Structure formats: C-alpha cells, structure tokens
N, C-alpha and C. Protein backbone atom coordinates (compact mmCIF):
# COMPACT_ATOMS: atom_id res chain seq x y z
N MET A 1 10.16 -11.29 -0.28
CA MET A 1 10.05 -9.91 -0.54
C MET A 1 9.07 -9.82 -1.97
N PHE A 2 8.34 -8.64 -1.90
CA PHE A 2 6.89 -8.54 -2.99
C PHE A 2 7.59 -7.87 -4.01
N LEU A 3 7.16 -8.67 -5.27
CA LEU A 3 7.88 -8.21 -6.75
C LEU A 3 6.32 -8.46 -7.08
N GLY A 4 6.75 -7.84 -8.53
CA GLY A 4 5.29 -8.07 -9.56
C GLY A 4 3.46 -7.37 -9.07
N GLN A 5 2.76 -7.10 -10.04
CA GLN A 5 1.71 -7.11 -9.57
C GLN A 5 0.73 -8.12 -10.64
N PHE A 6 -0.36 -8.47 -10.05
CA PHE A 6 -1.49 -8.96 -9.85
C PHE A 6 -3.24 -8.22 -10.00
N SER A 7 -3.99 -9.14 -10.33
CA SER A 7 -5.42 -8.04 -10.10
C SER A 7 -5.98 -9.42 -9.77
N TYR A 8 -6.69 -9.17 -8.38
CA TYR A 8 -7.93 -10.33 -7.80
C TYR A 8 -9.12 -9.23 -7.30
N THR A 9 -10.34 -10.08 -7.09
CA THR A 9 -10.88 -9.19 -7.20
C THR A 9 -11.42 -9.00 -5.74
N LEU A 10 -12.12 -7.82 -5.30
CA LEU A 10 -12.73 -7.25 -3.93
C LEU A 10 -14.26 -8.08 -3.90
N ASP A 11 -14.52 -8.99 -2.95
CA ASP A 11 -15.42 -9.60 -2.80
C ASP A 11 -16.84 -8.65 -2.16
N ASN A 12 -18.08 -9.30 -2.32
CA ASN A 12 -19.65 -8.55 -1.85
C ASN A 12 -18.56 -8.24 -0.26
N LYS A 13 -17.83 -8.86 1.01
CA LYS A 13 -17.84 -8.48 1.66
C LYS A 13 -16.84 -7.35 1.95
N GLY A 14 -15.76 -6.96 1.17
CA GLY A 14 -15.09 -6.00 1.37
C GLY A 14 -13.63 -7.12 1.88
N ARG A 15 -13.21 -8.38 0.86
CA ARG A 15 -12.36 -9.32 1.40
C ARG A 15 -11.45 -8.95 0.37
N LEU A 16 -9.94 -9.08 0.37
CA LEU A 16 -9.53 -8.82 -0.75
C LEU A 16 -8.11 -10.30 -0.34
N THR A 17 -7.71 -11.36 -1.47
CA THR A 17 -7.34 -11.98 -1.54
C THR A 17 -5.83 -12.24 -1.60
N ILE A 18 -4.73 -12.04 -0.92
CA ILE A 18 -3.51 -11.23 -1.04
C ILE A 18 -2.94 -12.97 -1.86
N PRO A 19 -1.98 -12.53 -3.16
CA PRO A 19 -1.81 -13.25 -3.84
C PRO A 19 -0.51 -13.95 -3.12
N SER A 20 -0.22 -15.75 -3.01
CA SER A 20 0.25 -16.61 -2.84
C SER A 20 1.76 -16.80 -2.11
N ARG A 21 2.06 -15.89 -3.91
CA ARG A 21 3.51 -15.52 -3.96
C ARG A 21 3.66 -14.67 -2.33
N PHE A 22 2.65 -13.77 -2.09
CA PHE A 22 3.11 -12.52 -1.34
C PHE A 22 2.52 -13.21 0.00
N ARG A 23 1.76 -14.07 0.12
CA ARG A 23 1.80 -14.86 1.62
C ARG A 23 2.49 -15.14 2.12
N GLU A 24 3.60 -15.94 1.73
CA GLU A 24 4.39 -16.24 1.63
C GLU A 24 5.95 -15.52 2.65
N GLY A 25 5.78 -14.38 2.27
CA GLY A 25 6.49 -13.14 3.20
C GLY A 25 6.02 -12.26 4.10
N LEU A 26 4.39 -12.63 4.23
CA LEU A 26 3.92 -12.00 5.11
C LEU A 26 3.49 -13.05 6.26
N PRO A 27 3.78 -11.63 7.45
CA PRO A 27 3.20 -12.88 8.93
C PRO A 27 2.16 -12.56 9.30
N THR A 28 0.83 -12.89 10.09
CA THR A 28 -0.43 -13.49 9.59
C THR A 28 -0.72 -12.32 10.13
N GLU A 29 -0.34 -11.24 10.64
CA GLU A 29 -0.71 -9.83 10.63
C GLU A 29 -0.14 -8.76 10.23
N VAL A 30 -1.00 -7.60 9.28
CA VAL A 30 -0.31 -6.96 8.47
C VAL A 30 -1.24 -5.31 9.11
N VAL A 31 -0.39 -4.35 8.51
CA VAL A 31 -1.03 -3.11 8.83
C VAL A 31 -1.61 -2.58 7.44
N VAL A 32 -2.52 -2.23 7.59
CA VAL A 32 -3.29 -1.02 6.14
C VAL A 32 -3.78 -0.46 6.19
N THR A 33 -3.20 1.05 5.75
CA THR A 33 -3.58 1.98 5.76
C THR A 33 -3.18 3.18 4.81
N ARG A 34 -3.79 3.84 4.73
CA ARG A 34 -4.18 4.62 3.33
C ARG A 34 -2.29 4.88 2.87
N GLY A 35 -1.94 5.04 1.52
CA GLY A 35 -1.09 5.36 0.93
C GLY A 35 -0.57 6.42 -0.01
N PHE A 36 -0.28 6.40 -0.41
CA PHE A 36 0.67 8.18 -1.27
C PHE A 36 -0.18 7.51 -2.49
N ASP A 37 -0.55 9.07 -2.64
CA ASP A 37 -1.44 8.41 -4.47
C ASP A 37 -2.18 8.20 -4.54
N ARG A 38 -3.58 7.94 -3.38
CA ARG A 38 -4.57 7.30 -3.17
C ARG A 38 -4.60 5.84 -3.48
N CYS A 39 -3.83 5.22 -3.00
CA CYS A 39 -3.61 3.67 -2.51
C CYS A 39 -4.02 3.87 -1.50
N LEU A 40 -3.81 2.26 -0.92
CA LEU A 40 -3.34 1.61 0.10
C LEU A 40 -2.06 1.06 0.32
N ALA A 41 -1.95 0.61 1.16
CA ALA A 41 -0.61 -0.03 1.47
C ALA A 41 -0.60 -0.66 2.65
N VAL A 42 -0.03 -2.08 2.43
CA VAL A 42 -0.32 -3.53 3.45
C VAL A 42 1.12 -3.67 3.93
N TYR A 43 1.60 -3.16 4.75
CA TYR A 43 2.83 -3.84 5.88
C TYR A 43 3.16 -4.86 6.60
N PRO A 44 3.89 -5.74 6.31
CA PRO A 44 4.17 -6.68 7.28
C PRO A 44 4.19 -5.74 8.81
N ILE A 45 4.08 -6.60 9.91
CA ILE A 45 4.55 -5.30 11.01
C ILE A 45 6.12 -5.34 10.95
N ASP A 46 6.62 -6.02 10.83
CA ASP A 46 8.01 -5.33 11.36
C ASP A 46 8.49 -4.30 9.75
N VAL A 47 7.88 -4.40 9.31
CA VAL A 47 8.10 -2.99 8.30
C VAL A 47 7.45 -1.69 8.87
N TRP A 48 6.36 -2.45 9.15
CA TRP A 48 5.64 -0.73 10.09
C TRP A 48 5.95 -0.84 11.44
N LYS A 49 6.51 -1.25 11.86
CA LYS A 49 7.83 -1.09 12.80
C LYS A 49 8.43 0.08 12.78
N GLU A 50 9.30 -0.34 12.18
CA GLU A 50 10.37 0.09 11.58
C GLU A 50 10.16 1.67 11.06
N ILE A 51 8.71 1.64 10.31
CA ILE A 51 8.35 3.05 9.66
C ILE A 51 7.59 4.32 10.86
N SER A 52 6.97 3.44 11.71
CA SER A 52 6.42 4.12 12.67
C SER A 52 7.61 4.88 13.35
N GLU A 53 8.23 4.01 13.73
CA GLU A 53 9.70 4.84 14.59
C GLU A 53 10.07 5.97 14.33
N LYS A 54 10.02 5.60 12.78
CA LYS A 54 10.68 7.72 11.94
C LYS A 54 10.03 8.02 12.06
N VAL A 55 8.59 8.16 11.94
CA VAL A 55 7.27 8.99 11.77
C VAL A 55 6.94 9.60 13.49
N THR A 56 7.42 8.89 14.11
CA THR A 56 7.19 9.23 15.61
C THR A 56 8.20 10.16 15.81
N SER A 57 9.46 9.39 15.67
CA SER A 57 10.80 10.53 16.04
C SER A 57 10.32 12.14 15.58
N LEU A 58 9.58 12.10 15.06
CA LEU A 58 9.62 13.56 13.94
C LEU A 58 8.90 14.68 15.07
N SER A 59 9.47 16.09 14.80
CA SER A 59 9.05 16.96 16.08
C SER A 59 7.84 17.08 15.90
N ILE A 60 6.52 16.76 16.34
CA ILE A 60 5.55 17.21 16.89
C ILE A 60 4.73 18.81 16.10
N THR A 61 6.11 19.34 16.41
CA THR A 61 6.07 20.82 15.74
C THR A 61 6.48 21.08 14.80
N ASP A 62 6.63 20.42 14.05
CA ASP A 62 6.63 20.55 12.17
C ASP A 62 5.50 20.14 11.44
N ARG A 63 4.75 21.10 10.91
CA ARG A 63 3.57 20.87 9.98
C ARG A 63 3.74 19.65 9.29
N ARG A 64 4.43 19.67 8.58
CA ARG A 64 4.85 18.36 7.87
C ARG A 64 4.73 16.81 8.19
N ALA A 65 5.53 17.14 9.65
CA ALA A 65 5.34 15.92 10.34
C ALA A 65 4.16 15.35 10.49
N ARG A 66 3.28 16.28 11.03
CA ARG A 66 2.04 15.89 11.58
C ARG A 66 1.23 15.38 10.78
N SER A 67 1.30 16.36 9.39
CA SER A 67 0.16 15.97 8.22
C SER A 67 0.95 14.08 7.77
N LEU A 68 2.42 13.96 7.97
CA LEU A 68 2.65 13.04 7.91
C LEU A 68 2.37 11.81 8.81
N ARG A 69 1.97 11.79 10.12
CA ARG A 69 1.36 11.40 11.07
C ARG A 69 -0.18 10.78 10.64
N ARG A 70 -0.71 11.97 9.97
CA ARG A 70 -1.94 11.90 10.13
C ARG A 70 -2.71 10.85 8.77
N GLN A 71 -1.42 11.02 7.84
CA GLN A 71 -1.68 10.49 7.01
C GLN A 71 -1.41 8.41 6.96
N LEU A 72 -0.55 8.61 7.80
CA LEU A 72 -0.28 6.97 8.02
C LEU A 72 -0.88 6.22 9.06
N PHE A 73 -1.57 6.98 10.64
CA PHE A 73 -1.62 6.64 11.58
C PHE A 73 -3.50 6.68 11.23
N ALA A 74 -3.81 8.23 10.80
CA ALA A 74 -5.14 7.98 11.66
C ALA A 74 -6.16 6.59 10.97
N ASP A 75 -5.89 6.24 10.01
CA ASP A 75 -6.80 5.51 9.34
C ASP A 75 -5.86 4.09 9.20
N ALA A 76 -5.08 3.59 10.12
CA ALA A 76 -4.14 2.37 9.72
C ALA A 76 -5.27 1.27 10.96
N ILE A 77 -5.32 -0.01 10.09
CA ILE A 77 -5.40 -0.81 11.16
C ILE A 77 -4.77 -2.07 11.15
N ASN A 78 -4.51 -2.74 12.57
CA ASN A 78 -4.14 -4.18 11.93
C ASN A 78 -5.29 -5.06 11.54
N LEU A 79 -4.41 -5.80 10.92
CA LEU A 79 -5.50 -7.15 9.98
C LEU A 79 -5.31 -8.26 10.09
N GLU A 80 -5.75 -9.86 9.92
CA GLU A 80 -4.73 -10.85 10.40
C GLU A 80 -5.96 -11.81 9.16
N LEU A 81 -4.77 -12.70 8.26
CA LEU A 81 -4.51 -13.11 6.95
C LEU A 81 -6.03 -14.17 7.75
N ASP A 82 -6.97 -14.50 6.84
CA ASP A 82 -7.48 -15.64 7.53
C ASP A 82 -7.11 -16.60 6.78
N ARG A 83 -7.48 -17.78 6.93
CA ARG A 83 -7.19 -19.04 6.28
C ARG A 83 -7.20 -19.05 4.92
N GLN A 84 -7.35 -18.60 3.87
CA GLN A 84 -8.16 -18.57 2.30
C GLN A 84 -7.30 -17.25 2.20
N GLY A 85 -6.14 -16.64 3.63
CA GLY A 85 -5.13 -15.50 2.82
C GLY A 85 -6.02 -14.14 2.11
N ARG A 86 -6.58 -14.44 2.90
CA ARG A 86 -7.66 -12.73 2.67
C ARG A 86 -7.33 -11.49 3.91
N VAL A 87 -7.55 -10.39 3.68
CA VAL A 87 -7.55 -9.40 4.74
C VAL A 87 -9.23 -8.59 4.00
N LEU A 88 -9.79 -8.31 5.21
CA LEU A 88 -11.02 -7.35 4.80
C LEU A 88 -10.82 -5.88 5.16
N ILE A 89 -10.91 -5.32 3.96
CA ILE A 89 -10.69 -4.23 3.74
C ILE A 89 -11.75 -2.71 3.90
N PRO A 90 -11.33 -2.08 5.40
CA PRO A 90 -12.65 -1.26 6.20
C PRO A 90 -13.51 -0.49 5.27
N ASP A 91 -14.67 -0.05 5.21
CA ASP A 91 -15.20 0.69 3.82
C ASP A 91 -14.52 1.74 4.26
N ARG A 92 -13.97 2.60 5.01
CA ARG A 92 -13.32 3.89 4.77
C ARG A 92 -11.80 3.71 3.90
N LEU A 93 -11.38 2.60 4.07
CA LEU A 93 -10.27 2.53 3.46
C LEU A 93 -10.33 2.55 1.77
N ARG A 94 -11.33 1.34 1.83
CA ARG A 94 -11.81 1.02 0.11
C ARG A 94 -12.58 2.91 -0.03
N ASP A 95 -13.16 3.86 0.60
CA ASP A 95 -13.36 4.79 0.07
C ASP A 95 -12.24 5.49 -0.86
N TYR A 96 -11.62 5.69 0.62
CA TYR A 96 -10.41 6.47 -0.34
C TYR A 96 -9.41 6.16 -1.07
N ALA A 97 -9.57 4.81 -1.30
CA ALA A 97 -8.84 4.45 -2.79
C ALA A 97 -9.51 4.26 -3.84
N GLY A 98 -10.86 4.69 -3.40
CA GLY A 98 -11.59 4.08 -4.55
C GLY A 98 -11.81 2.64 -5.15
N MET A 99 -12.41 2.02 -4.56
CA MET A 99 -12.21 1.04 -4.60
C MET A 99 -14.12 0.09 -4.25
N ASP A 100 -14.55 -0.50 -4.80
CA ASP A 100 -15.80 -0.43 -5.04
C ASP A 100 -15.61 -2.42 -4.59
N LEU A 101 -17.09 -2.35 -3.93
CA LEU A 101 -17.31 -4.03 -3.73
C LEU A 101 -16.95 -4.97 -4.97
N SER A 102 -16.59 -6.23 -4.75
CA SER A 102 -16.67 -6.94 -6.13
C SER A 102 -15.97 -6.74 -7.35
N SER A 103 -15.09 -5.35 -7.42
CA SER A 103 -14.36 -5.40 -8.01
C SER A 103 -12.78 -5.66 -7.88
N ASP A 104 -12.60 -5.45 -9.49
CA ASP A 104 -11.34 -5.68 -9.54
C ASP A 104 -10.28 -4.43 -8.33
N VAL A 105 -8.78 -5.31 -8.24
CA VAL A 105 -8.12 -4.69 -7.57
C VAL A 105 -6.27 -5.08 -8.09
N VAL A 106 -5.68 -3.95 -8.41
CA VAL A 106 -4.09 -4.47 -8.57
C VAL A 106 -3.16 -4.31 -7.35
N ILE A 107 -2.80 -5.33 -6.92
CA ILE A 107 -1.47 -5.76 -6.02
C ILE A 107 -1.11 -5.69 -6.30
N VAL A 108 0.29 -4.91 -6.25
CA VAL A 108 1.42 -4.48 -6.33
C VAL A 108 2.71 -4.40 -5.26
N GLY A 109 3.91 -5.66 -5.99
CA GLY A 109 4.39 -5.70 -4.51
C GLY A 109 5.93 -4.67 -4.85
N LEU A 110 5.91 -3.93 -3.92
CA LEU A 110 7.26 -3.07 -3.73
C LEU A 110 8.24 -3.41 -3.14
N GLU A 111 8.92 -4.89 -2.30
CA GLU A 111 9.82 -5.25 -2.28
C GLU A 111 9.57 -5.42 -0.94
N SER A 112 9.57 -4.56 0.21
CA SER A 112 9.43 -4.62 1.35
C SER A 112 7.57 -4.36 2.14
N PHE A 113 6.52 -3.64 0.99
CA PHE A 113 5.28 -3.86 1.12
C PHE A 113 4.64 -4.13 0.15
N ILE A 114 3.44 -3.92 -0.13
CA ILE A 114 2.19 -4.11 -0.71
C ILE A 114 1.00 -2.62 -1.10
N GLU A 115 1.13 -2.64 -2.38
CA GLU A 115 0.14 -1.54 -2.55
C GLU A 115 -0.96 -2.26 -3.24
N LEU A 116 -1.79 -1.28 -2.82
CA LEU A 116 -3.84 -1.87 -3.73
C LEU A 116 -4.29 -0.54 -4.02
N TRP A 117 -4.48 -0.89 -5.58
CA TRP A 117 -5.01 0.05 -6.44
C TRP A 117 -5.98 0.00 -7.08
N ASP A 118 -7.28 0.92 -7.09
CA ASP A 118 -8.25 0.54 -8.05
C ASP A 118 -7.10 0.78 -9.32
N PRO A 119 -7.61 -0.42 -10.44
CA PRO A 119 -7.32 -0.41 -11.71
C PRO A 119 -6.50 0.83 -12.65
N GLU A 120 -7.71 1.84 -12.07
CA GLU A 120 -7.63 2.56 -13.38
C GLU A 120 -6.26 3.92 -12.65
N ARG A 121 -6.78 4.13 -11.49
CA ARG A 121 -5.63 5.20 -10.59
C ARG A 121 -4.25 4.21 -10.99
N TRP A 122 -4.29 3.06 -10.82
CA TRP A 122 -2.89 2.30 -11.09
C TRP A 122 -2.69 2.68 -12.62
N ARG A 123 -3.48 2.19 -13.50
CA ARG A 123 -2.75 2.58 -14.77
C ARG A 123 -2.46 4.08 -15.34
N ILE A 124 -3.07 5.05 -14.64
CA ILE A 124 -2.56 5.92 -14.44
C ILE A 124 -1.40 6.78 -13.39
N GLN A 125 -1.20 6.27 -12.36
CA GLN A 125 0.05 6.36 -11.99
C GLN A 125 1.17 5.64 -12.35
N ASN A 126 0.84 4.57 -13.22
CA ASN A 126 1.86 3.67 -13.46
C ASN A 126 2.52 4.80 -14.95
N ASP A 127 1.46 5.33 -15.52
CA ASP A 127 1.74 5.74 -16.39
C ASP A 127 2.39 7.13 -16.59
N ASN A 128 1.86 8.26 -15.71
CA ASN A 128 3.12 9.01 -15.07
C ASN A 128 3.89 9.11 -14.77
N GLN A 129 4.80 7.80 -13.48
CA GLN A 129 5.70 7.49 -13.17
C GLN A 129 6.71 6.63 -14.52
N MET A 130 5.83 6.25 -15.55
CA MET A 130 7.03 5.62 -16.37
C MET A 130 6.95 7.04 -16.93
N GLU A 131 6.89 7.90 -17.53
CA GLU A 131 7.15 9.06 -18.18
C GLU A 131 8.41 10.03 -17.47
N THR A 132 7.69 10.21 -16.02
CA THR A 132 8.85 11.00 -14.80
C THR A 132 10.49 10.29 -15.18
N VAL A 133 10.46 8.53 -15.23
CA VAL A 133 11.60 8.13 -15.05
C VAL A 133 11.99 8.40 -16.31
N ASP A 134 11.27 7.83 -17.51
CA ASP A 134 11.92 8.26 -19.13
C ASP A 134 12.59 9.35 -19.36
N GLU A 135 11.95 10.49 -18.71
CA GLU A 135 11.86 12.26 -19.51
C GLU A 135 13.15 12.44 -17.64
N ASP A 136 13.60 12.18 -16.93
CA ASP A 136 14.64 12.72 -16.17
C ASP A 136 15.40 11.64 -15.75
N PRO A 137 16.31 11.70 -16.43
CA PRO A 137 17.99 10.61 -16.44
C PRO A 137 18.48 10.92 -14.89
N ALA A 138 18.00 12.30 -14.20
CA ALA A 138 18.59 12.16 -13.12
C ALA A 138 18.28 11.44 -11.77
N VAL A 139 16.73 10.67 -11.90
CA VAL A 139 16.13 9.73 -11.17
C VAL A 139 16.90 9.05 -11.05
N TRP A 140 17.63 8.05 -12.69
CA TRP A 140 18.80 6.75 -12.35
C TRP A 140 20.07 7.50 -11.86
N GLU A 141 20.95 8.49 -11.76
CA GLU A 141 21.47 8.93 -11.15
C GLU A 141 22.12 9.57 -10.30
N SER A 142 20.68 9.83 -9.07
CA SER A 142 20.40 10.12 -8.23
C SER A 142 20.79 8.72 -7.27
N LEU A 143 20.09 7.43 -7.93
CA LEU A 143 20.47 6.34 -7.83
C LEU A 143 22.28 5.80 -7.12
N GLN A 144 22.91 6.51 -8.25
CA GLN A 144 24.13 5.41 -8.28
C GLN A 144 24.54 4.77 -8.73
N ILE A 145 23.69 3.92 -9.94
CA ILE A 145 23.61 3.07 -10.92
C ILE A 145 24.04 2.52 -11.83
C-alpha cells in the first residue's frame, strides 16, 4: 500500500529514487507511463496487468477507448529498480510531466500505485482538488461513507 507524499531529486542522469517505504510494496519490475493531469504513474506489475486487461477489453471502435489506450500504452515502459531503489525516467516521459534533470519530484502514494509530479504542478493540482472536495459534498456522498 502506497500512502503519503515525499520529495526526492531527479539526478542528472534521469534517475529517481523511490522512497524506501514504497519500495517495500514494489516488485523489482514496474511500469511507468503518462498519468492523468500531466504527471507520471508508476504501477506495480500486478496492478498494471489488471488495468491493461480492463482497457484492452474496451471496444476499439469507441473513440474515447482508443484515446485511453494511447494515453496509457503509447509511452508506457517496463522498468526495473536498481540496487539503490532508483528508476530511470525516459526523456519523453520527463518532458510530458515537466520534470527537469537535477530537480525535485513529488512522489505521491495513491494506495495501489504511485504518481510522480513536478512540484509546482502538484501544488496547483492539490489546491484544485481540495477546493473541489471542500465545495462539493456530493463527492463524499457518492462514496457512501
């Protein structure tokens, strides 16, 4: 289970250390791809398989389903954590998420997977989502909590 958020620095080779608390729940192989809202998503291989099965079961004649497939699969890459618990983030994924070499990255645990964020994008996203949750009680009601 991945909970909380951490700030780590992307090194000058594009490697990012995954927090030790998160490494305990990760297999050595993960899938990294474009996330929603201009972040990157890191999926343990078993979670990735579940998601990919659901997405590939969608009709290819549905325009939205094709877009979702492209979003998830076009830039997805299988990566292995090295002995120091780092993953090498490819240039095209760093560009998508607005991450520069030798800059900070916010690593966010979302229970079954991890998101990687440019700190400023995370701040804006986090502010916006808090407003949505605070202003719309239907969000909580829909969860029946």
